């Protein structure tokens, strides 16, 4: 019988670094995303995931919704070969998501969104941005 597991995939890229964030993340390094995805896919391919039953996948960060549709498709297809997770969650920021991305998420099996919304009040958002590392 296969061991049941949950996977966490960390995407350490953001548009800006929030001052309150303690997670490993990098702002303004979008040019490194493609190499990071290639390295993740290589690492995933070197692990024998077939000996596990993947029940959940959580894609966190950083801001995973900074990935384009092609990148997220490639990443998930590498993980879900011969797998049928019950839930796939992705963290997103309203500033990095589009209707097309949401449609792609649905098509590739993402079942849950974790929305990083610090505030709906523009004045408070401006104040938060003033206290952001770049």
N, C-alpha and C. Protein backbone atom coordinates (compact mmCIF):
# COMPACT_ATOMS: atom_id res chain seq x y z
N UNK A 1 0.84 -1.19 0.00
CA UNK A 1 0.00 0.00 0.00
C UNK A 1 0.89 1.25 0.00
N UNK A 2 0.48 2.21 -0.80
CA UNK A 2 1.25 3.45 -0.91
C UNK A 2 1.02 4.35 0.29
N UNK A 3 2.08 5.01 0.72
CA UNK A 3 1.96 6.01 1.78
C UNK A 3 1.27 7.25 1.22
N UNK A 4 0.30 7.78 1.97
CA UNK A 4 -0.38 9.00 1.57
C UNK A 4 0.43 10.20 2.04
N UNK A 5 0.59 11.17 1.15
CA UNK A 5 1.36 12.36 1.48
C UNK A 5 0.66 13.62 0.98
N UNK A 6 1.08 14.73 1.53
CA UNK A 6 0.71 16.05 1.03
C UNK A 6 2.00 16.75 0.63
N UNK A 7 1.98 17.48 -0.44
CA UNK A 7 3.17 18.19 -0.91
C UNK A 7 2.99 19.69 -0.73
N UNK A 8 4.07 20.34 -0.34
CA UNK A 8 4.13 21.80 -0.32
C UNK A 8 5.20 22.19 -1.33
N UNK A 9 4.84 23.04 -2.27
CA UNK A 9 5.78 23.55 -3.28
C UNK A 9 5.92 25.05 -3.03
N UNK A 10 7.16 25.49 -2.79
CA UNK A 10 7.40 26.89 -2.47
C UNK A 10 7.85 27.65 -3.72
N UNK A 11 7.15 28.72 -4.01
CA UNK A 11 7.50 29.63 -5.12
C UNK A 11 7.95 30.93 -4.46
N UNK A 12 9.27 31.20 -4.43
CA UNK A 12 9.78 32.32 -3.61
C UNK A 12 9.85 33.68 -4.32
N UNK A 13 8.95 33.92 -5.26
CA UNK A 13 9.01 35.18 -6.01
C UNK A 13 7.79 36.04 -5.71
N UNK A 14 8.01 37.35 -5.61
CA UNK A 14 6.96 38.32 -5.35
C UNK A 14 7.21 39.58 -6.18
N UNK A 15 6.15 40.34 -6.37
CA UNK A 15 6.31 41.66 -7.01
C UNK A 15 7.04 42.61 -6.07
N UNK A 16 6.72 42.53 -4.77
CA UNK A 16 7.41 43.33 -3.76
C UNK A 16 7.46 42.52 -2.47
N UNK A 17 8.41 42.83 -1.63
CA UNK A 17 8.58 42.12 -0.37
C UNK A 17 7.86 42.88 0.73
N UNK A 18 6.87 42.24 1.34
CA UNK A 18 6.12 42.87 2.42
C UNK A 18 6.95 42.86 3.70
N UNK A 19 6.92 43.94 4.43
CA UNK A 19 7.76 44.06 5.62
C UNK A 19 7.40 43.04 6.70
N UNK A 20 6.18 42.55 6.72
CA UNK A 20 5.75 41.61 7.75
C UNK A 20 5.97 40.15 7.36
N UNK A 21 6.48 39.90 6.16
CA UNK A 21 6.64 38.53 5.67
C UNK A 21 7.97 37.93 6.10
N UNK A 22 7.90 36.78 6.77
CA UNK A 22 9.11 36.08 7.21
C UNK A 22 9.48 34.91 6.31
N UNK A 23 8.70 34.69 5.26
CA UNK A 23 8.98 33.58 4.37
C UNK A 23 10.08 33.95 3.39
N UNK A 24 10.79 32.94 2.92
CA UNK A 24 11.82 33.19 1.91
C UNK A 24 11.13 33.62 0.62
N UNK A 25 11.40 34.83 0.22
CA UNK A 25 10.83 35.35 -1.02
C UNK A 25 11.71 36.48 -1.53
N UNK A 26 11.66 36.66 -2.85
CA UNK A 26 12.51 37.63 -3.52
C UNK A 26 11.68 38.50 -4.44
N UNK A 27 11.83 39.80 -4.31
CA UNK A 27 11.12 40.74 -5.16
C UNK A 27 12.02 41.17 -6.32
N UNK A 28 11.40 41.39 -7.46
CA UNK A 28 12.14 41.91 -8.61
C UNK A 28 13.11 40.91 -9.22
N UNK A 29 12.87 39.64 -9.06
CA UNK A 29 13.77 38.61 -9.59
C UNK A 29 13.02 37.69 -10.58
N UNK A 30 12.02 38.24 -11.23
CA UNK A 30 11.19 37.44 -12.14
C UNK A 30 11.99 36.75 -13.24
N UNK A 31 13.15 37.31 -13.57
CA UNK A 31 13.99 36.69 -14.62
C UNK A 31 14.54 35.34 -14.18
N UNK A 32 14.46 35.03 -12.89
CA UNK A 32 14.97 33.76 -12.38
C UNK A 32 13.88 32.68 -12.28
N UNK A 33 12.64 33.05 -12.53
CA UNK A 33 11.53 32.11 -12.37
C UNK A 33 11.70 30.89 -13.28
N UNK A 34 12.02 31.10 -14.53
CA UNK A 34 12.12 29.97 -15.47
C UNK A 34 13.16 28.96 -15.01
N UNK A 35 14.32 29.43 -14.57
CA UNK A 35 15.35 28.51 -14.07
C UNK A 35 14.89 27.80 -12.80
N UNK A 36 14.17 28.49 -11.96
CA UNK A 36 13.66 27.88 -10.73
C UNK A 36 12.68 26.76 -11.07
N UNK A 37 11.78 27.02 -12.02
CA UNK A 37 10.80 25.99 -12.43
C UNK A 37 11.53 24.78 -13.01
N UNK A 38 12.54 25.01 -13.83
CA UNK A 38 13.33 23.90 -14.39
C UNK A 38 13.98 23.09 -13.28
N UNK A 39 14.53 23.76 -12.29
CA UNK A 39 15.18 23.06 -11.17
C UNK A 39 14.16 22.27 -10.35
N UNK A 40 12.99 22.85 -10.11
CA UNK A 40 11.93 22.14 -9.39
C UNK A 40 11.50 20.89 -10.15
N UNK A 41 11.30 21.03 -11.45
CA UNK A 41 10.88 19.89 -12.26
C UNK A 41 11.93 18.79 -12.25
N UNK A 42 13.20 19.17 -12.29
CA UNK A 42 14.29 18.19 -12.24
C UNK A 42 14.27 17.47 -10.90
N UNK A 43 14.14 18.21 -9.82
CA UNK A 43 14.12 17.60 -8.50
C UNK A 43 12.93 16.65 -8.35
N UNK A 44 11.76 17.08 -8.83
CA UNK A 44 10.56 16.25 -8.76
C UNK A 44 10.74 14.96 -9.56
N UNK A 45 11.35 15.08 -10.74
CA UNK A 45 11.55 13.89 -11.58
C UNK A 45 12.53 12.89 -10.96
N UNK A 46 13.40 13.36 -10.08
CA UNK A 46 14.38 12.49 -9.44
C UNK A 46 13.81 11.74 -8.23
N UNK A 47 12.63 12.17 -7.77
CA UNK A 47 11.97 11.49 -6.65
C UNK A 47 10.96 10.51 -7.24
N UNK A 48 10.91 9.32 -6.69
CA UNK A 48 9.95 8.33 -7.17
C UNK A 48 8.59 8.59 -6.53
N UNK A 49 7.82 9.50 -7.12
CA UNK A 49 6.52 9.85 -6.56
C UNK A 49 5.51 8.72 -6.71
N UNK A 50 5.79 7.75 -7.58
CA UNK A 50 4.84 6.65 -7.78
C UNK A 50 4.70 5.76 -6.55
N UNK A 51 5.64 5.82 -5.64
CA UNK A 51 5.51 5.01 -4.43
C UNK A 51 4.62 5.69 -3.38
N UNK A 52 4.13 6.89 -3.71
CA UNK A 52 3.26 7.64 -2.81
C UNK A 52 1.90 7.88 -3.45
N UNK A 53 0.93 8.11 -2.61
CA UNK A 53 -0.37 8.57 -3.06
C UNK A 53 -0.49 10.02 -2.60
N UNK A 54 -0.39 10.94 -3.54
CA UNK A 54 -0.43 12.37 -3.20
C UNK A 54 -1.89 12.78 -3.01
N UNK A 55 -2.23 13.15 -1.79
CA UNK A 55 -3.61 13.54 -1.47
C UNK A 55 -3.83 15.04 -1.63
N UNK A 56 -2.84 15.83 -1.25
CA UNK A 56 -2.97 17.28 -1.36
C UNK A 56 -1.68 17.89 -1.87
N UNK A 57 -1.84 18.99 -2.58
CA UNK A 57 -0.70 19.79 -3.04
C UNK A 57 -1.02 21.22 -2.65
N UNK A 58 -0.06 21.86 -2.00
CA UNK A 58 -0.21 23.28 -1.63
C UNK A 58 0.94 24.03 -2.26
N UNK A 59 0.62 24.99 -3.12
CA UNK A 59 1.63 25.80 -3.78
C UNK A 59 1.61 27.16 -3.10
N UNK A 60 2.67 27.43 -2.33
CA UNK A 60 2.74 28.65 -1.54
C UNK A 60 3.94 29.49 -1.89
N UNK A 61 4.14 30.52 -1.11
CA UNK A 61 5.26 31.38 -1.43
C UNK A 61 5.52 32.39 -0.34
N UNK A 62 6.09 33.36 -0.83
CA UNK A 62 6.10 34.12 -2.07
C UNK A 62 4.69 34.33 -2.60
N UNK A 63 4.66 34.52 -3.88
CA UNK A 63 3.41 34.75 -4.61
C UNK A 63 3.36 33.80 -5.80
N UNK A 64 2.86 32.58 -5.63
CA UNK A 64 2.82 31.62 -6.74
C UNK A 64 2.06 32.10 -7.96
N UNK A 65 1.08 32.99 -7.77
CA UNK A 65 0.32 33.47 -8.92
C UNK A 65 1.14 34.41 -9.81
N UNK A 66 2.40 34.63 -9.43
CA UNK A 66 3.31 35.39 -10.29
C UNK A 66 3.73 34.53 -11.50
N UNK A 67 3.60 33.19 -11.36
CA UNK A 67 3.92 32.29 -12.47
C UNK A 67 2.89 32.48 -13.58
N UNK A 68 3.36 32.35 -14.82
CA UNK A 68 2.40 32.42 -15.93
C UNK A 68 1.72 31.06 -16.10
N UNK A 69 0.73 31.00 -16.95
CA UNK A 69 -0.07 29.79 -17.12
C UNK A 69 0.79 28.60 -17.55
N UNK A 70 1.71 28.82 -18.45
CA UNK A 70 2.58 27.74 -18.94
C UNK A 70 3.42 27.16 -17.81
N UNK A 71 3.98 28.02 -16.98
CA UNK A 71 4.84 27.58 -15.89
C UNK A 71 4.08 26.75 -14.86
N UNK A 72 2.89 27.19 -14.48
CA UNK A 72 2.13 26.44 -13.48
C UNK A 72 1.64 25.12 -14.06
N UNK A 73 1.28 25.11 -15.34
CA UNK A 73 0.87 23.85 -16.00
C UNK A 73 2.03 22.85 -15.99
N UNK A 74 3.21 23.31 -16.38
CA UNK A 74 4.39 22.43 -16.44
C UNK A 74 4.70 21.86 -15.06
N UNK A 75 4.65 22.69 -14.05
CA UNK A 75 4.98 22.27 -12.71
C UNK A 75 3.98 21.22 -12.21
N UNK A 76 2.70 21.51 -12.35
CA UNK A 76 1.69 20.56 -11.87
C UNK A 76 1.68 19.26 -12.67
N UNK A 77 1.91 19.34 -13.97
CA UNK A 77 1.92 18.11 -14.76
C UNK A 77 3.07 17.20 -14.35
N UNK A 78 4.17 17.77 -13.93
CA UNK A 78 5.31 16.97 -13.46
C UNK A 78 4.96 16.25 -12.16
N UNK A 79 4.22 16.91 -11.30
CA UNK A 79 3.86 16.34 -9.99
C UNK A 79 2.74 15.31 -10.10
N UNK A 80 1.77 15.57 -10.94
CA UNK A 80 0.54 14.76 -10.92
C UNK A 80 0.54 13.60 -11.91
N UNK A 81 1.68 13.26 -12.49
CA UNK A 81 1.74 12.08 -13.36
C UNK A 81 1.31 10.87 -12.53
N UNK A 82 0.29 10.17 -13.00
CA UNK A 82 -0.26 8.99 -12.32
C UNK A 82 -0.76 9.28 -10.90
N UNK A 83 -1.16 10.50 -10.64
CA UNK A 83 -1.66 10.90 -9.34
C UNK A 83 -3.03 11.56 -9.50
N UNK A 84 -3.85 11.44 -8.48
CA UNK A 84 -5.13 12.12 -8.47
C UNK A 84 -5.35 12.77 -7.10
N UNK A 85 -4.67 13.90 -6.86
CA UNK A 85 -4.84 14.57 -5.56
C UNK A 85 -6.29 14.99 -5.35
N UNK A 86 -6.72 14.92 -4.11
CA UNK A 86 -8.09 15.35 -3.78
C UNK A 86 -8.20 16.87 -3.76
N UNK A 87 -7.10 17.53 -3.45
CA UNK A 87 -7.13 18.99 -3.37
C UNK A 87 -5.79 19.56 -3.81
N UNK A 88 -5.87 20.61 -4.63
CA UNK A 88 -4.68 21.37 -5.02
C UNK A 88 -4.99 22.83 -4.72
N UNK A 89 -4.16 23.43 -3.87
CA UNK A 89 -4.35 24.82 -3.46
C UNK A 89 -3.20 25.66 -4.00
N UNK A 90 -3.51 26.87 -4.41
CA UNK A 90 -2.48 27.82 -4.80
C UNK A 90 -2.75 29.15 -4.09
N UNK A 91 -1.69 29.73 -3.56
CA UNK A 91 -1.80 31.07 -2.99
C UNK A 91 -1.76 32.07 -4.14
N UNK A 92 -2.56 33.12 -4.02
CA UNK A 92 -2.51 34.16 -5.04
C UNK A 92 -2.69 35.52 -4.42
N UNK A 93 -2.22 36.48 -5.16
CA UNK A 93 -2.37 37.87 -4.80
C UNK A 93 -3.26 38.50 -5.87
N UNK A 94 -4.26 39.26 -5.49
CA UNK A 94 -5.15 39.86 -6.49
C UNK A 94 -4.42 40.65 -7.58
N UNK A 95 -3.25 41.19 -7.27
CA UNK A 95 -2.50 41.97 -8.25
C UNK A 95 -1.76 41.14 -9.28
N UNK A 96 -1.71 39.83 -9.10
CA UNK A 96 -0.97 38.98 -10.04
C UNK A 96 -1.85 37.90 -10.68
N UNK A 97 -3.15 38.03 -10.53
CA UNK A 97 -4.05 37.03 -11.10
C UNK A 97 -4.95 37.68 -12.14
N UNK A 98 -5.25 36.91 -13.16
CA UNK A 98 -6.14 37.36 -14.23
C UNK A 98 -7.26 36.34 -14.42
N UNK A 99 -8.26 36.72 -15.16
CA UNK A 99 -9.35 35.79 -15.47
C UNK A 99 -8.79 34.57 -16.19
N UNK A 100 -7.84 34.77 -17.10
CA UNK A 100 -7.23 33.65 -17.83
C UNK A 100 -6.49 32.71 -16.88
N UNK A 101 -5.75 33.27 -15.92
CA UNK A 101 -5.06 32.41 -14.95
C UNK A 101 -6.06 31.60 -14.15
N UNK A 102 -7.14 32.23 -13.71
CA UNK A 102 -8.15 31.50 -12.94
C UNK A 102 -8.75 30.37 -13.77
N UNK A 103 -9.00 30.62 -15.03
CA UNK A 103 -9.54 29.59 -15.92
C UNK A 103 -8.53 28.45 -16.06
N UNK A 104 -7.25 28.79 -16.23
CA UNK A 104 -6.20 27.78 -16.32
C UNK A 104 -6.12 26.97 -15.04
N UNK A 105 -6.18 27.63 -13.90
CA UNK A 105 -6.15 26.92 -12.61
C UNK A 105 -7.25 25.86 -12.56
N UNK A 106 -8.43 26.24 -12.97
CA UNK A 106 -9.56 25.31 -12.96
C UNK A 106 -9.30 24.14 -13.92
N UNK A 107 -8.83 24.45 -15.12
CA UNK A 107 -8.58 23.42 -16.13
C UNK A 107 -7.52 22.40 -15.69
N UNK A 108 -6.52 22.84 -14.94
CA UNK A 108 -5.44 21.92 -14.57
C UNK A 108 -5.67 21.26 -13.21
N UNK A 109 -6.82 21.50 -12.61
CA UNK A 109 -7.19 20.77 -11.41
C UNK A 109 -6.99 21.47 -10.10
N UNK A 110 -6.65 22.75 -10.12
CA UNK A 110 -6.54 23.49 -8.87
C UNK A 110 -7.95 23.67 -8.32
N UNK A 111 -8.14 23.24 -7.07
CA UNK A 111 -9.47 23.21 -6.48
C UNK A 111 -9.69 24.25 -5.39
N UNK A 112 -8.61 24.90 -4.98
CA UNK A 112 -8.74 25.84 -3.86
C UNK A 112 -7.78 27.00 -4.04
N UNK A 113 -8.26 28.20 -3.73
CA UNK A 113 -7.44 29.40 -3.80
C UNK A 113 -7.25 29.95 -2.39
N UNK A 114 -6.03 30.35 -2.09
CA UNK A 114 -5.73 31.04 -0.84
C UNK A 114 -5.34 32.46 -1.24
N UNK A 115 -6.23 33.39 -0.99
CA UNK A 115 -6.07 34.75 -1.49
C UNK A 115 -5.41 35.63 -0.45
N UNK A 116 -4.24 36.17 -0.81
CA UNK A 116 -3.51 37.08 0.07
C UNK A 116 -4.01 38.50 -0.13
N UNK A 117 -4.99 38.86 0.63
CA UNK A 117 -5.59 40.19 0.53
C UNK A 117 -5.36 40.89 1.86
N UNK A 118 -4.41 41.81 1.87
CA UNK A 118 -4.08 42.49 3.11
C UNK A 118 -5.16 43.49 3.53
N UNK A 119 -5.78 44.15 2.55
CA UNK A 119 -6.83 45.12 2.85
C UNK A 119 -7.57 45.48 1.58
N UNK A 120 -8.83 45.90 1.74
CA UNK A 120 -9.60 46.41 0.61
C UNK A 120 -9.65 47.94 0.65
N UNK A 121 -8.97 48.52 1.63
CA UNK A 121 -8.96 49.97 1.79
C UNK A 121 -7.67 50.54 1.19
N UNK A 122 -7.82 51.38 0.18
CA UNK A 122 -6.66 51.91 -0.54
C UNK A 122 -5.68 52.65 0.37
N UNK A 123 -6.17 53.43 1.31
CA UNK A 123 -5.27 54.19 2.20
C UNK A 123 -4.40 53.23 3.02
N UNK A 124 -4.99 52.18 3.54
CA UNK A 124 -4.24 51.21 4.31
C UNK A 124 -3.24 50.46 3.43
N UNK A 125 -3.64 50.13 2.22
CA UNK A 125 -2.71 49.47 1.29
C UNK A 125 -1.51 50.36 0.99
N UNK A 126 -1.75 51.66 0.82
CA UNK A 126 -0.64 52.60 0.59
C UNK A 126 0.31 52.60 1.77
N UNK A 127 -0.25 52.59 2.97
CA UNK A 127 0.58 52.58 4.18
C UNK A 127 1.39 51.28 4.26
N UNK A 128 0.76 50.17 3.94
CA UNK A 128 1.49 48.89 3.94
C UNK A 128 2.63 48.90 2.93
N UNK A 129 2.39 49.47 1.78
CA UNK A 129 3.42 49.52 0.73
C UNK A 129 4.59 50.42 1.12
N UNK A 130 4.33 51.46 1.90
CA UNK A 130 5.41 52.32 2.37
C UNK A 130 6.38 51.53 3.27
N UNK A 131 5.86 50.52 3.93
CA UNK A 131 6.65 49.72 4.84
C UNK A 131 7.09 48.41 4.19
N UNK A 132 7.35 48.46 2.89
CA UNK A 132 7.73 47.25 2.15
C UNK A 132 9.19 47.31 1.74
N UNK A 133 9.87 46.20 1.88
CA UNK A 133 11.26 46.09 1.39
C UNK A 133 11.24 45.93 -0.11
N UNK A 134 12.21 46.44 -0.77
CA UNK A 134 12.36 46.22 -2.21
C UNK A 134 13.67 45.58 -2.51
